[in-house]
Amino acid sequence: MKVGFNLYKDGKHKALTMSYDDGQVHDIRLLEIFNKYGIKGTFHLNSGKLDDEAGKFLTSEQVATVFDTHEVSVHSLTHPYLERVSDEEVVYEIVEDRKNLEKLCGYPVRGMSYPFGTYNTQLIEKLRVLGMQYSRTIKPAGVWSSPDDFKIPDDFMQWHPTCHHADEKLFDYLAAFKRNKRPLALFYVWGHSFEFPRGDGWTRIEEFCEKAGGDPDVWYATNIEIYDYIMALRALRFSADRTMVYNPTATDVWVDVDGKAVVCPAGKVTRFTI
């Protein structure tokens, strides 16, 4: 019996996620596009900038409804260079942002993106202690027609996106993603919604979502959904003869058993038919 760890939710082979920073009012229009084409996204918010008098950012009251079915994530309270401030300031910036966002959204907030995309190893260790389980960088992983195309990150605290939405190769990357046969292929696009009013930004992102959405072999997921799924996949515990597997997590997981997608339900033992 051959068991393959190459499937996402519902036995799909690929996943696509989007990630946007800061929480400006342009997120509303972007979410309308996402919802129209079935795209899922994670939105990293500076809660200290909500309710601004100029009206550039969303209001606290909007957060829960605007981001419904998507993920809200930490981006720090006020957007400083976190690796440049004291330990006390890191704690304040992350914990206060978490507390504010959790009150607004009603669930534990466990991920983030780095303000300005900057970080170091010391900051990562501090963030882990503060409950962060992943953090997105702004370093493009790119696509180079190699076995590493569209790969899951080795370290989720250094989660490099595939590209920015304004990358001139965005549609080339999408075409490569559709052709890609890599197990657990992941296409990750990031940006800021305030960038779309420039030039043909809105037209371009809608065209991308239209072409990217609706693929039966793609799981459209938030950052935390992908993180939780991969952690659950890695947590599977097999019997010595590999005829049984226990899933100790709260997330259903799919594995490939002799070419067939088999679900391993959360908290249960699954027996394979040989």
Protein backbone atom coordinates (compact mmCIF):
# COMPACT_ATOMS: atom_id res chain seq x y z
CA MET A 1 0.00 0.00 0.00
CA LYS A 2 1.35 3.40 -1.01
CA VAL A 3 0.34 6.49 0.98
CA GLY A 4 0.96 9.94 -0.47
CA PHE A 5 0.87 13.22 1.44
CA ASN A 6 0.08 15.30 -1.61
CA LEU A 7 -3.54 16.39 -1.21
CA TYR A 8 -5.27 19.44 0.20
CA LYS A 9 -8.83 19.70 1.49
CA ASP A 10 -11.38 17.62 -0.44
CA GLY A 11 -8.55 15.82 -2.22
CA LYS A 12 -7.46 18.84 -4.24
CA HIS A 13 -3.89 19.06 -5.49
CA LYS A 14 -3.35 22.83 -5.40
CA ALA A 15 -4.15 25.84 -3.20
CA LEU A 16 -4.37 29.58 -3.81
CA THR A 17 -4.33 32.27 -1.15
CA MET A 18 -4.25 36.07 -1.20
CA SER A 19 -2.87 38.42 1.45
CA TYR A 20 -3.41 42.17 1.93
CA ASP A 21 -2.04 44.63 4.46
CA ASP A 22 -3.09 47.72 6.43
CA GLY A 23 -6.92 47.62 6.39
CA GLN A 24 -7.72 50.60 4.20
CA VAL A 25 -11.22 51.20 2.83
CA HIS A 26 -10.23 49.83 -0.58
CA ASP A 27 -10.37 46.36 1.02
CA ILE A 28 -14.16 46.53 0.64
CA ARG A 29 -14.04 46.65 -3.15
CA LEU A 30 -11.32 44.00 -3.23
CA LEU A 31 -13.43 41.67 -1.10
CA GLU A 32 -16.36 42.11 -3.47
CA ILE A 33 -14.11 40.85 -6.27
CA PHE A 34 -12.82 37.96 -4.15
CA ASN A 35 -16.33 36.89 -3.20
CA LYS A 36 -17.51 37.13 -6.79
CA TYR A 37 -14.92 34.61 -7.99
CA GLY A 38 -14.61 32.43 -4.88
CA ILE A 39 -11.16 33.68 -3.87
CA LYS A 40 -10.18 33.58 -0.18
CA GLY A 41 -7.87 36.08 1.47
CA THR A 42 -6.15 37.08 4.68
CA PHE A 43 -6.17 40.73 5.72
CA HIS A 44 -3.46 41.95 8.07
CA LEU A 45 -4.72 44.96 10.02
CA ASN A 46 -3.18 47.71 12.12
CA SER A 47 -5.99 48.08 14.64
CA GLY A 48 -4.44 51.30 15.95
CA LYS A 49 -5.23 52.95 12.60
CA LEU A 50 -8.89 51.95 12.40
CA ASP A 51 -11.51 54.68 12.86
CA ASP A 52 -9.17 57.40 11.57
CA GLU A 53 -10.67 60.86 11.06
CA ALA A 54 -9.53 61.03 7.43
CA GLY A 55 -11.53 57.93 6.56
CA LYS A 56 -8.62 56.13 4.85
CA PHE A 57 -8.98 53.08 7.05
CA LEU A 58 -11.91 50.85 7.92
CA THR A 59 -13.92 51.41 11.06
CA SER A 60 -13.90 48.95 13.93
CA GLU A 61 -17.58 48.25 13.32
CA GLN A 62 -16.89 47.20 9.73
CA VAL A 63 -14.23 44.62 10.47
CA ALA A 64 -16.36 41.63 11.49
CA THR A 65 -18.82 41.96 8.60
CA VAL A 66 -16.44 43.10 5.85
CA PHE A 67 -14.03 40.20 6.42
CA ASP A 68 -16.66 37.53 7.03
CA THR A 69 -15.52 34.19 5.45
CA HIS A 70 -11.98 35.58 5.17
CA GLU A 71 -9.22 35.86 7.79
CA VAL A 72 -8.21 38.85 9.88
CA SER A 73 -4.59 38.79 11.00
CA VAL A 74 -2.03 40.89 12.89
CA HIS A 75 0.06 43.61 11.22
CA SER A 76 1.04 45.29 14.53
CA LEU A 77 -0.85 48.05 16.30
CA THR A 78 0.79 51.05 14.61
CA HIS A 79 3.10 49.62 11.89
CA PRO A 80 6.64 50.21 13.25
CA TYR A 81 9.83 48.43 12.18
CA LEU A 82 9.46 45.67 14.77
CA GLU A 83 13.10 44.55 14.64
CA ARG A 84 14.21 48.10 15.61
CA VAL A 85 12.12 48.59 18.76
CA SER A 86 12.54 47.30 22.30
CA ASP A 87 11.19 43.96 23.50
CA GLU A 88 8.52 45.80 25.45
CA GLU A 89 7.37 47.61 22.34
CA VAL A 90 7.20 44.37 20.34
CA VAL A 91 5.00 42.85 23.03
CA TYR A 92 2.77 45.93 23.09
CA GLU A 93 2.46 46.20 19.30
CA ILE A 94 1.57 42.53 18.79
CA VAL A 95 -0.48 41.77 21.87
CA GLU A 96 -2.60 44.93 21.67
CA ASP A 97 -3.24 44.34 17.97
CA ARG A 98 -4.24 40.74 18.71
CA LYS A 99 -6.54 41.74 21.55
CA ASN A 100 -8.27 44.42 19.51
CA LEU A 101 -8.76 42.22 16.45
CA GLU A 102 -9.95 39.24 18.48
CA LYS A 103 -12.62 41.38 20.14
CA LEU A 104 -13.80 42.57 16.74
CA CYS A 105 -13.74 39.18 14.98
CA GLY A 106 -14.61 36.75 17.75
CA TYR A 107 -11.82 34.21 17.18
CA PRO A 108 -8.16 33.77 18.17
CA VAL A 109 -5.83 35.63 15.80
CA ARG A 110 -2.72 33.51 15.23
CA GLY A 111 -0.91 34.89 12.19
CA MET A 112 0.55 38.13 10.87
CA SER A 113 2.59 39.88 8.20
CA TYR A 114 5.71 41.93 8.95
CA PRO A 115 5.29 45.71 8.82
CA PHE A 116 7.46 46.94 5.92
CA GLY A 117 8.32 43.27 5.33
CA THR A 118 11.35 43.51 7.63
CA TYR A 119 12.36 41.06 10.35
CA ASN A 120 15.27 39.11 11.84
CA THR A 121 15.74 35.83 13.69
CA GLN A 122 15.50 37.48 17.10
CA LEU A 123 12.13 39.01 16.21
CA ILE A 124 10.81 35.68 14.99
CA GLU A 125 11.53 34.04 18.34
CA LYS A 126 9.74 36.85 20.18
CA LEU A 127 6.72 36.53 17.91
CA ARG A 128 6.45 32.79 18.49
CA VAL A 129 6.26 33.44 22.24
CA LEU A 130 3.46 35.96 21.59
CA GLY A 131 1.36 33.33 19.85
CA MET A 132 2.16 33.98 16.20
CA GLN A 133 2.20 30.78 14.16
CA TYR A 134 2.96 32.25 10.75
CA SER A 135 4.13 35.55 9.31
CA ARG A 136 4.26 36.64 5.69
CA THR A 137 7.25 38.45 4.26
CA ILE A 138 7.36 40.57 1.09
CA LYS A 139 10.18 38.57 -0.48
CA PRO A 140 8.89 37.05 -3.73
CA ALA A 141 9.52 33.34 -4.03
CA GLY A 142 8.90 33.57 -7.77
CA VAL A 143 8.58 30.71 -10.21
CA TRP A 144 11.62 29.24 -11.93
CA SER A 145 10.34 26.01 -13.48
CA SER A 146 12.06 23.95 -10.81
CA PRO A 147 10.88 21.31 -8.32
CA ASP A 148 10.55 24.13 -5.78
CA ASP A 149 7.84 26.00 -7.73
CA PHE A 150 4.84 26.99 -5.62
CA LYS A 151 6.20 25.23 -2.54
CA ILE A 152 4.92 25.19 1.03
CA PRO A 153 7.26 27.28 3.24
CA ASP A 154 9.94 25.48 5.20
CA ASP A 155 9.32 27.95 8.06
CA PHE A 156 5.87 29.51 8.29
CA MET A 157 7.38 32.43 10.21
CA GLN A 158 9.24 33.26 7.00
CA TRP A 159 6.39 32.69 4.58
CA HIS A 160 7.52 34.14 1.25
CA PRO A 161 4.67 34.87 -1.19
CA THR A 162 4.88 33.83 -4.82
CA CYS A 163 4.63 37.44 -5.97
CA HIS A 164 3.04 40.86 -5.53
CA HIS A 165 -0.16 41.48 -7.49
CA ALA A 166 1.62 44.12 -9.60
CA ASP A 167 4.37 41.72 -10.68
CA GLU A 168 4.65 41.88 -14.47
CA LYS A 169 4.75 38.07 -14.53
CA LEU A 170 1.56 37.60 -12.49
CA PHE A 171 -0.41 36.02 -15.34
CA ASP A 172 2.58 33.97 -16.43
CA TYR A 173 2.79 32.62 -12.89
CA LEU A 174 -0.91 31.79 -12.96
CA ALA A 175 -0.47 29.86 -16.20
CA ALA A 176 2.50 27.99 -14.69
CA PHE A 177 0.44 27.24 -11.59
CA LYS A 178 -2.34 25.73 -13.68
CA ARG A 179 0.22 23.50 -15.43
CA ASN A 180 2.12 22.66 -12.25
CA LYS A 181 2.15 19.02 -11.08
CA ARG A 182 4.06 19.58 -7.85
CA PRO A 183 2.42 17.92 -4.80
CA LEU A 184 0.73 20.52 -2.58
CA ALA A 185 1.40 23.38 -4.99
CA LEU A 186 0.62 26.78 -3.43
CA PHE A 187 0.17 30.10 -5.26
CA TYR A 188 0.37 33.08 -2.86
CA VAL A 189 -0.27 36.67 -3.99
CA TRP A 190 0.11 39.70 -1.72
CA GLY A 191 -0.26 43.48 -1.84
CA HIS A 192 -2.13 46.52 -0.55
CA SER A 193 -5.62 47.37 -1.77
CA PHE A 194 -4.79 51.10 -1.86
CA GLU A 195 -2.52 50.33 -4.82
CA PHE A 196 -5.39 49.35 -7.11
CA PRO A 197 -6.70 52.86 -7.96
CA ARG A 198 -3.39 53.52 -9.71
CA GLY A 199 -3.57 52.90 -13.45
CA ASP A 200 -5.54 49.78 -14.40
CA GLY A 201 -5.10 48.11 -11.00
CA TRP A 202 -8.75 47.26 -10.40
CA THR A 203 -9.21 45.88 -13.90
CA ARG A 204 -6.08 43.77 -13.57
CA ILE A 205 -6.94 42.21 -10.20
CA GLU A 206 -10.47 41.37 -11.34
CA GLU A 207 -9.09 39.74 -14.48
CA PHE A 208 -6.69 37.74 -12.34
CA CYS A 209 -9.41 36.57 -9.95
CA GLU A 210 -11.70 35.65 -12.84
CA LYS A 211 -8.97 33.52 -14.43
CA ALA A 212 -7.77 32.05 -11.12
CA GLY A 213 -11.19 31.28 -9.64
CA GLY A 214 -13.46 28.35 -10.31
CA ASP A 215 -10.75 25.72 -10.80
CA PRO A 216 -12.04 22.36 -9.48
CA ASP A 217 -8.51 21.24 -8.60
CA VAL A 218 -7.70 24.32 -6.48
CA TRP A 219 -8.50 24.88 -2.82
CA TYR A 220 -9.17 28.60 -2.21
CA ALA A 221 -8.08 29.20 1.36
CA THR A 222 -6.94 31.77 3.89
CA ASN A 223 -3.41 31.78 5.29
CA ILE A 224 -4.43 30.21 8.59
CA GLU A 225 -6.46 27.50 6.87
CA ILE A 226 -3.39 26.47 4.90
CA TYR A 227 -1.20 26.59 8.00
CA ASP A 228 -3.65 24.48 10.02
CA TYR A 229 -4.03 21.96 7.21
CA ILE A 230 -0.29 21.44 6.76
CA MET A 231 0.23 21.12 10.52
CA ALA A 232 -2.57 18.53 10.68
CA LEU A 233 -1.09 16.63 7.73
CA ARG A 234 2.26 16.50 9.50
CA ALA A 235 0.61 15.38 12.75
CA LEU A 236 -0.93 12.16 11.35
CA ARG A 237 0.10 9.08 13.33
CA PHE A 238 0.26 5.74 11.51
CA SER A 239 0.17 2.19 12.82
CA ALA A 240 3.33 0.14 12.35
CA ASP A 241 1.85 -1.73 9.37
CA ARG A 242 0.41 1.53 7.92
CA THR A 243 -3.12 0.14 7.71
CA MET A 244 -4.43 2.67 10.22
CA VAL A 245 -3.87 6.36 10.88
CA TYR A 246 -4.92 8.58 13.76
CA ASN A 247 -5.60 12.26 13.18
CA PRO A 248 -5.09 13.96 16.59
CA THR A 249 -6.04 17.43 15.31
CA ALA A 250 -9.31 19.31 14.80
CA THR A 251 -8.77 19.46 11.02
CA ASP A 252 -9.89 16.83 8.50
CA VAL A 253 -6.99 15.74 6.28
CA TRP A 254 -6.87 13.95 2.92
CA VAL A 255 -4.19 11.47 1.87
CA ASP A 256 -3.59 9.55 -1.33
CA VAL A 257 -3.89 5.79 -0.78
CA ASP A 258 -2.93 3.81 -3.88
CA GLY A 259 -4.15 6.65 -6.09
CA LYS A 260 -7.40 7.26 -4.22
CA ALA A 261 -8.17 10.32 -2.06
CA VAL A 262 -9.05 9.19 1.47
CA VAL A 263 -10.24 11.53 4.21
CA CYS A 264 -8.81 11.16 7.72
CA PRO A 265 -11.44 12.84 9.94
CA ALA A 266 -10.36 15.02 12.82
CA GLY A 267 -9.91 13.18 16.11
CA LYS A 268 -10.53 9.72 14.65
CA VAL A 269 -8.74 6.57 13.52
CA THR A 270 -9.05 5.76 9.81
CA ARG A 271 -8.53 2.20 8.61
CA PHE A 272 -7.35 1.62 5.06
CA THR A 273 -8.69 -1.21 2.92
CA ILE A 274 -5.82 -3.13 1.37
